[in-house]
């Protein structure tokens, strides 16, 4: 295992996933105080990233499960989840719950986290494919191991930021507004930047 390849893999992961830390922090804040929510978030992040990696590896070998024209439409996933979160926050506020909490659901489900992770990583696939194809089977394995190890680091970073007193207080107060806002914005950016509505 070449240290150069490990460094390149770590750098590529960091550059293409920096925005995930914000989303993960919001998810961890949403699940704060609910037993098992951290496990569900980590599981969802791994499921979503494993799907990104699987599609990228398959495409590097010449198989295309997702045509390039379909990638922008992945933005509909976070957009729909953001609208759902906004509706829940508004409904809880209307019920006199102040918009905080999540109605006892215990934070996001693994499938919600996986859907957002996969949709947000649609553009990553385009970056990963040529790199993995050029790396060959051995290099591809190194990239996969490093990427999957760094998913754990990203989850720890998200949980860390969500539990810092100043950040935790802000997320506790405004998380019910920020989460839908971030998800809706993310969905729209994926749709618009990907050219879903034409260029």
N, C-alpha and C. Protein backbone atom coordinates (compact mmCIF):
# COMPACT_ATOMS: atom_id res chain seq x y z
N UNK A 1 0.86 -1.19 0.00
CA UNK A 1 0.00 0.00 0.00
C UNK A 1 0.89 1.25 0.00
N UNK A 2 0.87 1.99 -1.10
CA UNK A 2 1.70 3.18 -1.25
C UNK A 2 1.15 4.33 -0.41
N UNK A 3 2.07 4.97 0.34
CA UNK A 3 1.66 6.12 1.15
C UNK A 3 1.19 7.27 0.27
N UNK A 4 1.78 7.37 -0.92
CA UNK A 4 1.35 8.39 -1.87
C UNK A 4 -0.10 8.20 -2.28
N UNK A 5 -0.47 6.94 -2.55
CA UNK A 5 -1.85 6.64 -2.94
C UNK A 5 -2.81 6.91 -1.80
N UNK A 6 -2.39 6.55 -0.58
CA UNK A 6 -3.22 6.81 0.61
C UNK A 6 -3.45 8.31 0.77
N UNK A 7 -2.38 9.09 0.61
CA UNK A 7 -2.49 10.54 0.72
C UNK A 7 -3.40 11.13 -0.35
N UNK A 8 -3.26 10.63 -1.58
CA UNK A 8 -4.12 11.11 -2.68
C UNK A 8 -5.58 10.77 -2.41
N UNK A 9 -5.82 9.55 -1.91
CA UNK A 9 -7.19 9.12 -1.61
C UNK A 9 -7.79 9.99 -0.50
N UNK A 10 -7.00 10.25 0.54
CA UNK A 10 -7.48 11.07 1.65
C UNK A 10 -7.78 12.49 1.18
N UNK A 11 -6.90 13.04 0.37
CA UNK A 11 -7.12 14.39 -0.15
C UNK A 11 -8.35 14.48 -1.03
N UNK A 12 -8.52 13.48 -1.89
CA UNK A 12 -9.69 13.46 -2.79
C UNK A 12 -10.98 13.35 -2.00
N UNK A 13 -10.98 12.49 -0.97
CA UNK A 13 -12.17 12.34 -0.14
C UNK A 13 -12.51 13.66 0.56
N UNK A 14 -11.49 14.29 1.16
CA UNK A 14 -11.71 15.52 1.91
C UNK A 14 -12.28 16.62 1.01
N UNK A 15 -11.70 16.78 -0.16
CA UNK A 15 -12.13 17.85 -1.07
C UNK A 15 -13.55 17.63 -1.56
N UNK A 16 -13.92 16.38 -1.82
CA UNK A 16 -15.24 16.10 -2.40
C UNK A 16 -16.33 15.92 -1.35
N UNK A 17 -15.97 15.87 -0.07
CA UNK A 17 -16.98 15.61 0.96
C UNK A 17 -17.02 16.65 2.08
N UNK A 18 -16.35 17.77 1.89
CA UNK A 18 -16.28 18.77 2.96
C UNK A 18 -17.67 19.26 3.38
N UNK A 19 -18.60 19.36 2.43
CA UNK A 19 -19.94 19.85 2.74
C UNK A 19 -20.75 18.86 3.57
N UNK A 20 -20.34 17.58 3.55
CA UNK A 20 -21.05 16.56 4.32
C UNK A 20 -20.96 16.79 5.83
N UNK A 21 -19.89 17.45 6.28
CA UNK A 21 -19.72 17.66 7.72
C UNK A 21 -20.86 18.53 8.27
N UNK A 22 -21.24 19.56 7.52
CA UNK A 22 -22.35 20.42 7.95
C UNK A 22 -23.65 19.62 8.03
N UNK A 23 -23.93 18.84 6.99
CA UNK A 23 -25.16 18.05 6.96
C UNK A 23 -25.16 17.03 8.09
N UNK A 24 -24.01 16.37 8.32
CA UNK A 24 -23.91 15.39 9.41
C UNK A 24 -24.11 16.07 10.76
N UNK A 25 -23.55 17.26 10.94
CA UNK A 25 -23.72 17.99 12.21
C UNK A 25 -25.20 18.26 12.47
N UNK A 26 -25.92 18.65 11.41
CA UNK A 26 -27.35 18.91 11.56
C UNK A 26 -28.11 17.63 11.89
N UNK A 27 -27.73 16.52 11.25
CA UNK A 27 -28.38 15.24 11.55
C UNK A 27 -28.12 14.82 13.00
N UNK A 28 -26.85 14.96 13.44
CA UNK A 28 -26.52 14.59 14.82
C UNK A 28 -27.26 15.48 15.81
N UNK A 29 -27.39 16.77 15.49
CA UNK A 29 -28.13 17.68 16.36
C UNK A 29 -29.60 17.30 16.42
N UNK A 30 -30.15 16.90 15.27
CA UNK A 30 -31.56 16.50 15.21
C UNK A 30 -31.81 15.25 16.07
N UNK A 31 -30.82 14.37 16.11
CA UNK A 31 -30.98 13.13 16.87
C UNK A 31 -30.51 13.21 18.31
N UNK A 32 -30.01 14.39 18.72
CA UNK A 32 -29.46 14.53 20.07
C UNK A 32 -30.50 14.13 21.12
N UNK A 33 -30.04 13.32 22.09
CA UNK A 33 -30.92 12.91 23.18
C UNK A 33 -31.80 11.72 22.86
N UNK A 34 -31.71 11.21 21.64
CA UNK A 34 -32.51 10.05 21.26
C UNK A 34 -31.61 8.82 21.15
N UNK A 35 -31.94 7.83 21.91
CA UNK A 35 -31.12 6.63 21.97
C UNK A 35 -31.01 5.96 20.59
N UNK A 36 -29.80 5.64 20.20
CA UNK A 36 -29.57 4.93 18.94
C UNK A 36 -29.52 5.81 17.71
N UNK A 37 -29.77 7.12 17.88
CA UNK A 37 -29.79 7.99 16.69
C UNK A 37 -28.41 8.09 16.05
N UNK A 38 -27.36 8.15 16.87
CA UNK A 38 -25.99 8.21 16.33
C UNK A 38 -25.68 7.00 15.47
N UNK A 39 -26.07 5.83 15.94
CA UNK A 39 -25.84 4.60 15.17
C UNK A 39 -26.58 4.64 13.85
N UNK A 40 -27.82 5.12 13.88
CA UNK A 40 -28.61 5.20 12.64
C UNK A 40 -28.00 6.18 11.65
N UNK A 41 -27.47 7.29 12.15
CA UNK A 41 -26.85 8.29 11.27
C UNK A 41 -25.58 7.72 10.64
N UNK A 42 -24.74 7.07 11.46
CA UNK A 42 -23.49 6.47 10.93
C UNK A 42 -23.83 5.38 9.91
N UNK A 43 -24.82 4.54 10.23
CA UNK A 43 -25.23 3.48 9.29
C UNK A 43 -25.70 4.09 7.98
N UNK A 44 -26.52 5.14 8.07
CA UNK A 44 -27.01 5.80 6.86
C UNK A 44 -25.90 6.42 6.05
N UNK A 45 -24.93 7.04 6.72
CA UNK A 45 -23.79 7.65 6.01
C UNK A 45 -22.99 6.57 5.29
N UNK A 46 -22.77 5.43 5.94
CA UNK A 46 -22.04 4.33 5.30
C UNK A 46 -22.83 3.74 4.13
N UNK A 47 -24.14 3.58 4.30
CA UNK A 47 -24.95 3.05 3.20
C UNK A 47 -24.89 3.98 1.99
N UNK A 48 -25.06 5.28 2.24
CA UNK A 48 -25.03 6.25 1.15
C UNK A 48 -23.69 6.30 0.46
N UNK A 49 -22.61 6.32 1.25
CA UNK A 49 -21.29 6.41 0.63
C UNK A 49 -20.91 5.11 -0.06
N UNK A 50 -21.32 3.98 0.52
CA UNK A 50 -21.04 2.68 -0.13
C UNK A 50 -21.72 2.62 -1.50
N UNK A 51 -22.92 3.19 -1.59
CA UNK A 51 -23.62 3.22 -2.89
C UNK A 51 -22.87 4.09 -3.89
N UNK A 52 -22.37 5.26 -3.43
CA UNK A 52 -21.57 6.13 -4.30
C UNK A 52 -20.34 5.37 -4.80
N UNK A 53 -19.65 4.71 -3.87
CA UNK A 53 -18.43 3.98 -4.20
C UNK A 53 -18.71 2.84 -5.17
N UNK A 54 -19.81 2.12 -4.93
CA UNK A 54 -20.17 0.99 -5.80
C UNK A 54 -20.43 1.46 -7.22
N UNK A 55 -21.17 2.57 -7.36
CA UNK A 55 -21.47 3.10 -8.70
C UNK A 55 -20.18 3.58 -9.37
N UNK A 56 -19.31 4.24 -8.62
CA UNK A 56 -18.05 4.75 -9.19
C UNK A 56 -17.14 3.61 -9.62
N UNK A 57 -17.03 2.56 -8.79
CA UNK A 57 -16.18 1.41 -9.13
C UNK A 57 -16.74 0.70 -10.37
N UNK A 58 -18.05 0.50 -10.38
CA UNK A 58 -18.67 -0.16 -11.54
C UNK A 58 -18.43 0.65 -12.81
N UNK A 59 -18.58 1.97 -12.71
CA UNK A 59 -18.36 2.83 -13.87
C UNK A 59 -16.90 2.81 -14.31
N UNK A 60 -15.98 2.70 -13.34
CA UNK A 60 -14.56 2.62 -13.68
C UNK A 60 -14.24 1.35 -14.46
N UNK A 61 -15.04 0.30 -14.24
CA UNK A 61 -14.87 -0.95 -14.98
C UNK A 61 -15.70 -0.95 -16.27
N UNK A 62 -16.38 0.15 -16.53
CA UNK A 62 -17.12 0.27 -17.78
C UNK A 62 -18.62 0.09 -17.69
N UNK A 63 -19.13 -0.26 -16.51
CA UNK A 63 -20.59 -0.43 -16.35
C UNK A 63 -21.18 0.91 -15.93
N UNK A 64 -22.29 1.29 -16.51
CA UNK A 64 -22.93 2.55 -16.12
C UNK A 64 -24.36 2.26 -15.67
N UNK A 65 -24.54 2.27 -14.35
CA UNK A 65 -25.87 2.06 -13.79
C UNK A 65 -26.68 3.34 -13.83
N UNK A 66 -25.96 4.47 -13.70
CA UNK A 66 -26.62 5.78 -13.71
C UNK A 66 -26.07 6.58 -14.88
N UNK A 67 -26.89 6.85 -15.88
CA UNK A 67 -26.41 7.71 -16.96
C UNK A 67 -26.12 9.11 -16.43
N UNK A 68 -25.17 9.78 -17.06
CA UNK A 68 -24.76 11.13 -16.62
C UNK A 68 -25.96 12.07 -16.52
N UNK A 69 -26.91 11.90 -17.42
CA UNK A 69 -28.08 12.79 -17.44
C UNK A 69 -28.99 12.60 -16.22
N UNK A 70 -28.84 11.45 -15.53
CA UNK A 70 -29.69 11.17 -14.35
C UNK A 70 -29.13 11.80 -13.08
N UNK A 71 -27.83 12.08 -13.04
CA UNK A 71 -27.19 12.56 -11.81
C UNK A 71 -27.81 13.85 -11.26
N UNK A 72 -28.11 14.86 -12.10
CA UNK A 72 -28.70 16.08 -11.52
C UNK A 72 -30.03 15.82 -10.81
N UNK A 73 -30.78 14.83 -11.28
CA UNK A 73 -32.10 14.57 -10.70
C UNK A 73 -32.02 13.93 -9.32
N UNK A 74 -30.80 13.53 -8.90
CA UNK A 74 -30.63 13.05 -7.53
C UNK A 74 -30.94 14.16 -6.53
N UNK A 75 -30.89 15.41 -7.00
CA UNK A 75 -31.21 16.54 -6.14
C UNK A 75 -32.63 16.51 -5.60
N UNK A 76 -33.49 15.73 -6.26
CA UNK A 76 -34.87 15.62 -5.77
C UNK A 76 -34.94 14.93 -4.41
N UNK A 77 -33.95 14.07 -4.10
CA UNK A 77 -33.95 13.36 -2.80
C UNK A 77 -33.79 14.32 -1.62
N UNK A 78 -32.69 15.11 -1.56
CA UNK A 78 -32.59 16.04 -0.42
C UNK A 78 -33.68 17.11 -0.46
N UNK A 79 -34.12 17.51 -1.67
CA UNK A 79 -35.19 18.50 -1.77
C UNK A 79 -36.46 17.97 -1.11
N UNK A 80 -36.83 16.74 -1.42
CA UNK A 80 -38.04 16.13 -0.83
C UNK A 80 -37.89 15.98 0.69
N UNK A 81 -36.71 15.53 1.14
CA UNK A 81 -36.49 15.35 2.58
C UNK A 81 -36.48 16.71 3.30
N UNK A 82 -35.95 17.73 2.63
CA UNK A 82 -35.96 19.07 3.21
C UNK A 82 -37.37 19.62 3.35
N UNK A 83 -38.19 19.40 2.32
CA UNK A 83 -39.58 19.84 2.38
C UNK A 83 -40.35 19.10 3.46
N UNK A 84 -40.04 17.80 3.60
CA UNK A 84 -40.68 17.00 4.66
C UNK A 84 -40.29 17.53 6.04
N UNK A 85 -38.97 17.82 6.22
CA UNK A 85 -38.50 18.35 7.50
C UNK A 85 -39.11 19.71 7.79
N UNK A 86 -39.26 20.55 6.75
CA UNK A 86 -39.87 21.87 6.93
C UNK A 86 -41.33 21.73 7.34
N UNK A 87 -42.04 20.79 6.73
CA UNK A 87 -43.45 20.55 7.06
C UNK A 87 -43.58 20.08 8.51
N UNK A 88 -42.69 19.16 8.93
CA UNK A 88 -42.73 18.66 10.31
C UNK A 88 -42.44 19.78 11.31
N UNK A 89 -41.44 20.63 10.99
CA UNK A 89 -41.10 21.73 11.90
C UNK A 89 -42.28 22.70 12.01
N UNK A 90 -42.91 22.99 10.88
CA UNK A 90 -44.06 23.91 10.88
C UNK A 90 -45.24 23.31 11.64
N UNK A 91 -45.47 22.00 11.44
CA UNK A 91 -46.58 21.32 12.12
C UNK A 91 -46.37 21.30 13.63
N UNK A 92 -45.13 21.02 14.06
CA UNK A 92 -44.83 21.00 15.50
C UNK A 92 -44.96 22.40 16.10
N UNK A 93 -44.57 23.41 15.33
CA UNK A 93 -44.71 24.79 15.79
C UNK A 93 -46.19 25.14 15.93
N UNK A 94 -46.98 24.71 14.96
CA UNK A 94 -48.43 24.96 15.01
C UNK A 94 -49.08 24.23 16.19
N UNK A 95 -48.48 23.08 16.57
CA UNK A 95 -49.00 22.32 17.70
C UNK A 95 -48.54 22.89 19.04
N UNK A 96 -47.71 23.98 18.97
CA UNK A 96 -47.24 24.61 20.20
C UNK A 96 -46.00 23.97 20.76
N UNK A 97 -45.26 23.20 19.91
CA UNK A 97 -44.04 22.57 20.40
C UNK A 97 -42.81 23.41 20.12
N UNK A 98 -43.00 24.58 19.55
CA UNK A 98 -41.88 25.49 19.33
C UNK A 98 -40.96 25.07 18.23
N UNK A 99 -41.32 24.03 17.47
CA UNK A 99 -40.51 23.62 16.33
C UNK A 99 -39.31 22.80 16.72
N UNK A 100 -39.10 22.59 18.02
CA UNK A 100 -37.92 21.84 18.41
C UNK A 100 -38.27 20.37 18.52
N UNK A 101 -37.21 19.58 18.39
CA UNK A 101 -37.43 18.13 18.45
C UNK A 101 -37.91 17.62 17.12
N UNK A 102 -38.31 16.35 17.10
CA UNK A 102 -38.72 15.75 15.85
C UNK A 102 -39.90 14.84 16.06
N UNK A 103 -40.74 15.21 17.01
CA UNK A 103 -41.97 14.45 17.21
C UNK A 103 -41.73 13.08 17.79
N UNK A 104 -40.58 12.88 18.49
CA UNK A 104 -40.32 11.60 19.12
C UNK A 104 -39.78 10.54 18.19
N UNK A 105 -39.44 10.92 16.97
CA UNK A 105 -38.94 9.93 16.02
C UNK A 105 -37.51 9.52 16.32
N UNK A 106 -36.78 10.32 17.10
CA UNK A 106 -35.41 9.95 17.43
C UNK A 106 -34.42 10.30 16.36
N UNK A 107 -34.65 11.36 15.60
CA UNK A 107 -33.71 11.78 14.57
C UNK A 107 -33.99 11.10 13.25
N UNK A 108 -33.10 11.34 12.27
CA UNK A 108 -33.33 10.80 10.93
C UNK A 108 -33.14 9.29 10.89
N UNK A 109 -33.82 8.66 9.94
CA UNK A 109 -33.64 7.22 9.74
C UNK A 109 -32.38 7.00 8.92
N UNK A 110 -31.81 5.77 8.96
CA UNK A 110 -30.63 5.48 8.14
C UNK A 110 -30.90 5.74 6.66
N UNK A 111 -32.14 5.47 6.22
CA UNK A 111 -32.46 5.64 4.79
C UNK A 111 -32.50 7.10 4.39
N UNK A 112 -32.95 7.98 5.31
CA UNK A 112 -32.93 9.41 5.02
C UNK A 112 -31.50 9.92 4.89
N UNK A 113 -30.65 9.51 5.83
CA UNK A 113 -29.24 9.93 5.78
C UNK A 113 -28.58 9.37 4.52
N UNK A 114 -28.85 8.10 4.21
CA UNK A 114 -28.26 7.47 3.02
C UNK A 114 -28.70 8.19 1.75
N UNK A 115 -29.97 8.56 1.67
CA UNK A 115 -30.50 9.24 0.48
C UNK A 115 -29.81 10.59 0.27
N UNK A 116 -29.66 11.36 1.36
CA UNK A 116 -29.01 12.67 1.26
C UNK A 116 -27.53 12.49 0.89
N UNK A 117 -26.86 11.53 1.52
CA UNK A 117 -25.45 11.28 1.24
C UNK A 117 -25.24 10.90 -0.22
N UNK A 118 -26.09 9.99 -0.71
CA UNK A 118 -25.95 9.53 -2.09
C UNK A 118 -26.23 10.66 -3.07
N UNK A 119 -27.29 11.41 -2.82
CA UNK A 119 -27.64 12.52 -3.72
C UNK A 119 -26.55 13.58 -3.73
N UNK A 120 -26.03 13.89 -2.55
CA UNK A 120 -24.99 14.91 -2.44
C UNK A 120 -23.68 14.43 -3.07
N UNK A 121 -23.53 13.11 -3.20
CA UNK A 121 -22.31 12.55 -3.78
C UNK A 121 -22.41 12.26 -5.26
N UNK A 122 -23.51 12.66 -5.89
CA UNK A 122 -23.66 12.40 -7.32
C UNK A 122 -22.54 12.99 -8.14
N UNK A 123 -22.11 14.22 -7.76
CA UNK A 123 -21.01 14.84 -8.49
C UNK A 123 -19.67 14.18 -8.16
N UNK A 124 -19.59 13.57 -6.96
CA UNK A 124 -18.36 12.86 -6.58
C UNK A 124 -18.09 11.70 -7.54
N UNK A 125 -19.17 11.06 -7.99
CA UNK A 125 -19.02 9.90 -8.88
C UNK A 125 -18.24 10.30 -10.12
N UNK A 126 -18.59 11.45 -10.70
CA UNK A 126 -17.90 11.92 -11.90
C UNK A 126 -16.42 12.16 -11.66
N UNK A 127 -16.05 12.56 -10.43
CA UNK A 127 -14.64 12.80 -10.09
C UNK A 127 -13.94 11.47 -9.83
N UNK A 128 -14.63 10.56 -9.12
CA UNK A 128 -13.99 9.31 -8.72
C UNK A 128 -13.72 8.36 -9.88
N UNK A 129 -14.63 8.33 -10.85
CA UNK A 129 -14.52 7.33 -11.92
C UNK A 129 -13.18 7.36 -12.64
N UNK A 130 -12.73 8.51 -13.19
CA UNK A 130 -11.45 8.49 -13.89
C UNK A 130 -10.27 8.18 -12.98
N UNK A 131 -10.34 8.65 -11.73
CA UNK A 131 -9.26 8.39 -10.77
C UNK A 131 -9.17 6.90 -10.48
N UNK A 132 -10.32 6.26 -10.21
CA UNK A 132 -10.34 4.83 -9.91
C UNK A 132 -9.94 4.01 -11.13
N UNK A 133 -10.39 4.43 -12.30
CA UNK A 133 -10.04 3.70 -13.53
C UNK A 133 -8.53 3.72 -13.76
N UNK A 134 -7.90 4.87 -13.49
CA UNK A 134 -6.46 5.01 -13.69
C UNK A 134 -5.67 4.28 -12.60
N UNK A 135 -6.27 4.08 -11.43
CA UNK A 135 -5.56 3.48 -10.29
C UNK A 135 -5.38 1.97 -10.45
N UNK A 136 -6.22 1.33 -11.26
CA UNK A 136 -6.16 -0.12 -11.40
C UNK A 136 -6.78 -0.80 -10.19
N UNK A 137 -6.83 -2.12 -10.23
CA UNK A 137 -7.52 -2.87 -9.17
C UNK A 137 -6.86 -2.68 -7.81
N UNK A 138 -5.53 -2.73 -7.76
CA UNK A 138 -4.81 -2.56 -6.49
C UNK A 138 -5.03 -1.18 -5.90
N UNK A 139 -4.85 -0.16 -6.73
CA UNK A 139 -5.04 1.21 -6.28
C UNK A 139 -6.47 1.48 -5.89
N UNK A 140 -7.40 0.87 -6.64
CA UNK A 140 -8.82 1.04 -6.36
C UNK A 140 -9.16 0.53 -4.96
N UNK A 141 -8.53 -0.59 -4.58
CA UNK A 141 -8.76 -1.16 -3.25
C UNK A 141 -8.27 -0.21 -2.16
N UNK A 142 -7.11 0.42 -2.41
CA UNK A 142 -6.57 1.38 -1.44
C UNK A 142 -7.53 2.56 -1.29
N UNK A 143 -7.99 3.08 -2.43
CA UNK A 143 -8.94 4.20 -2.39
C UNK A 143 -10.19 3.82 -1.60
N UNK A 144 -10.72 2.62 -1.86
CA UNK A 144 -11.95 2.18 -1.18
C UNK A 144 -11.74 2.10 0.33
N UNK A 145 -10.61 1.51 0.76
CA UNK A 145 -10.33 1.36 2.20
C UNK A 145 -10.19 2.73 2.85
N UNK A 146 -9.43 3.63 2.22
CA UNK A 146 -9.22 4.97 2.78
C UNK A 146 -10.54 5.73 2.84
N UNK A 147 -11.32 5.67 1.76
CA UNK A 147 -12.60 6.37 1.73
C UNK A 147 -13.51 5.88 2.87
N UNK A 148 -13.61 4.57 3.02
CA UNK A 148 -14.51 4.02 4.04
C UNK A 148 -14.02 4.33 5.45
N UNK A 149 -12.69 4.38 5.64
CA UNK A 149 -12.15 4.77 6.96
C UNK A 149 -12.48 6.24 7.24
N UNK A 150 -12.39 7.07 6.21
CA UNK A 150 -12.65 8.50 6.40
C UNK A 150 -14.12 8.81 6.61
N UNK A 151 -15.01 7.93 6.18
CA UNK A 151 -16.43 8.12 6.48
C UNK A 151 -16.61 8.14 8.00
N UNK A 152 -15.90 7.25 8.70
CA UNK A 152 -15.97 7.21 10.17
C UNK A 152 -15.44 8.52 10.77
N UNK A 153 -14.35 9.03 10.21
CA UNK A 153 -13.77 10.29 10.69
C UNK A 153 -14.77 11.43 10.48
N UNK A 154 -15.44 11.44 9.31
CA UNK A 154 -16.44 12.47 9.02
C UNK A 154 -17.61 12.40 10.00
N UNK A 155 -18.03 11.18 10.32
CA UNK A 155 -19.13 11.01 11.29
C UNK A 155 -18.71 11.53 12.66
N UNK A 156 -17.48 11.23 13.06
CA UNK A 156 -16.96 11.73 14.34
C UNK A 156 -16.90 13.25 14.34
N UNK A 157 -16.47 13.84 13.21
CA UNK A 157 -16.39 15.30 13.11
C UNK A 157 -17.79 15.91 13.20
N UNK A 158 -18.76 15.31 12.51
CA UNK A 158 -20.13 15.82 12.56
C UNK A 158 -20.68 15.76 13.98
N UNK A 159 -20.44 14.64 14.67
CA UNK A 159 -20.91 14.49 16.05
C UNK A 159 -20.19 15.47 16.97
N UNK A 160 -18.89 15.67 16.72
CA UNK A 160 -18.09 16.60 17.53
C UNK A 160 -18.65 18.02 17.43
N UNK A 161 -18.87 18.48 16.21
CA UNK A 161 -19.37 19.85 16.03
C UNK A 161 -20.77 20.00 16.62
N UNK A 162 -21.58 18.96 16.48
CA UNK A 162 -22.97 19.04 16.99
C UNK A 162 -23.03 19.07 18.51
N UNK A 163 -21.93 18.65 19.18
CA UNK A 163 -21.94 18.61 20.65
C UNK A 163 -21.09 19.70 21.29
N UNK A 164 -20.48 20.60 20.48
CA UNK A 164 -19.76 21.73 21.08
C UNK A 164 -20.81 22.66 21.68
N UNK A 165 -20.61 23.12 22.92
CA UNK A 165 -21.65 23.89 23.61
C UNK A 165 -22.26 25.03 22.78
N UNK A 166 -21.41 25.87 22.18
CA UNK A 166 -21.94 27.02 21.42
C UNK A 166 -22.71 26.53 20.19
N UNK A 167 -22.12 25.58 19.47
CA UNK A 167 -22.76 25.06 18.25
C UNK A 167 -24.01 24.28 18.62
N UNK A 168 -23.91 23.45 19.68
CA UNK A 168 -25.06 22.64 20.10
C UNK A 168 -26.23 23.53 20.50
N UNK A 169 -25.93 24.64 21.19
CA UNK A 169 -27.00 25.55 21.60
C UNK A 169 -27.67 26.18 20.37
N UNK A 170 -26.85 26.60 19.41
CA UNK A 170 -27.39 27.20 18.18
C UNK A 170 -28.20 26.18 17.39
N UNK A 171 -27.67 24.95 17.28
CA UNK A 171 -28.38 23.91 16.52
C UNK A 171 -29.66 23.50 17.23
N UNK A 172 -29.61 23.49 18.57
CA UNK A 172 -30.82 23.14 19.33
C UNK A 172 -31.91 24.18 19.09
N UNK A 173 -31.48 25.43 19.00
CA UNK A 173 -32.46 26.51 18.82
C UNK A 173 -32.92 26.64 17.38
N UNK A 174 -31.97 26.50 16.44
CA UNK A 174 -32.26 26.79 15.03
C UNK A 174 -32.19 25.57 14.12
N UNK A 175 -31.84 24.40 14.67
CA UNK A 175 -31.68 23.20 13.84
C UNK A 175 -32.92 22.84 13.05
N UNK A 176 -34.11 23.07 13.66
CA UNK A 176 -35.37 22.72 12.97
C UNK A 176 -35.60 23.61 11.75
N UNK A 177 -34.91 24.77 11.71
CA UNK A 177 -34.99 25.65 10.54
C UNK A 177 -33.82 25.36 9.59
N UNK A 178 -32.62 25.17 10.17
CA UNK A 178 -31.42 24.97 9.35
C UNK A 178 -31.46 23.67 8.55
N UNK A 179 -31.91 22.57 9.17
CA UNK A 179 -31.89 21.29 8.46
C UNK A 179 -32.72 21.34 7.18
N UNK A 180 -34.01 21.75 7.22
CA UNK A 180 -34.75 21.83 5.97
C UNK A 180 -34.13 22.82 4.98
N UNK A 181 -33.62 23.95 5.51
CA UNK A 181 -33.03 24.96 4.64
C UNK A 181 -31.81 24.40 3.90
N UNK A 182 -30.93 23.71 4.64
CA UNK A 182 -29.73 23.13 4.03
C UNK A 182 -30.11 22.05 3.02
N UNK A 183 -31.06 21.18 3.38
CA UNK A 183 -31.45 20.09 2.47
C UNK A 183 -32.12 20.63 1.20
N UNK A 184 -33.01 21.62 1.36
CA UNK A 184 -33.68 22.19 0.19
C UNK A 184 -32.66 22.90 -0.70
N UNK A 185 -31.75 23.67 -0.09
CA UNK A 185 -30.71 24.37 -0.86
C UNK A 185 -29.81 23.36 -1.58
N UNK A 186 -29.42 22.31 -0.86
CA UNK A 186 -28.58 21.27 -1.44
C UNK A 186 -29.27 20.62 -2.64
N UNK A 187 -30.55 20.29 -2.48
CA UNK A 187 -31.30 19.68 -3.57
C UNK A 187 -31.38 20.59 -4.78
N UNK A 188 -31.67 21.89 -4.55
CA UNK A 188 -31.76 22.84 -5.65
C UNK A 188 -30.41 23.03 -6.34
N UNK A 189 -29.34 23.09 -5.56
CA UNK A 189 -28.00 23.25 -6.15
C UNK A 189 -27.63 22.06 -7.02
N UNK A 190 -27.95 20.86 -6.55
CA UNK A 190 -27.66 19.65 -7.34
C UNK A 190 -28.44 19.69 -8.65
N UNK A 191 -29.71 20.05 -8.56
CA UNK A 191 -30.55 20.12 -9.77
C UNK A 191 -30.06 21.20 -10.74
N UNK A 192 -29.78 22.40 -10.21
CA UNK A 192 -29.41 23.52 -11.08
C UNK A 192 -27.99 23.36 -11.63
N UNK A 193 -27.01 23.06 -10.74
CA UNK A 193 -25.62 22.91 -11.20
C UNK A 193 -25.48 21.73 -12.15
N UNK A 194 -26.28 20.71 -11.96
CA UNK A 194 -26.20 19.53 -12.83
C UNK A 194 -26.89 19.74 -14.17
N UNK A 195 -27.59 20.87 -14.31
CA UNK A 195 -28.23 21.15 -15.59
C UNK A 195 -29.55 20.43 -15.78
N UNK A 196 -30.24 20.10 -14.68
CA UNK A 196 -31.51 19.39 -14.81
C UNK A 196 -32.54 20.20 -15.58
N UNK A 197 -32.44 21.53 -15.47
CA UNK A 197 -33.41 22.41 -16.14
C UNK A 197 -32.83 23.05 -17.40
N UNK A 198 -31.73 22.49 -17.89
CA UNK A 198 -31.08 23.06 -19.07
C UNK A 198 -30.03 24.07 -18.65
N UNK A 199 -29.11 24.34 -19.54
CA UNK A 199 -28.01 25.27 -19.22
C UNK A 199 -28.20 26.56 -19.99
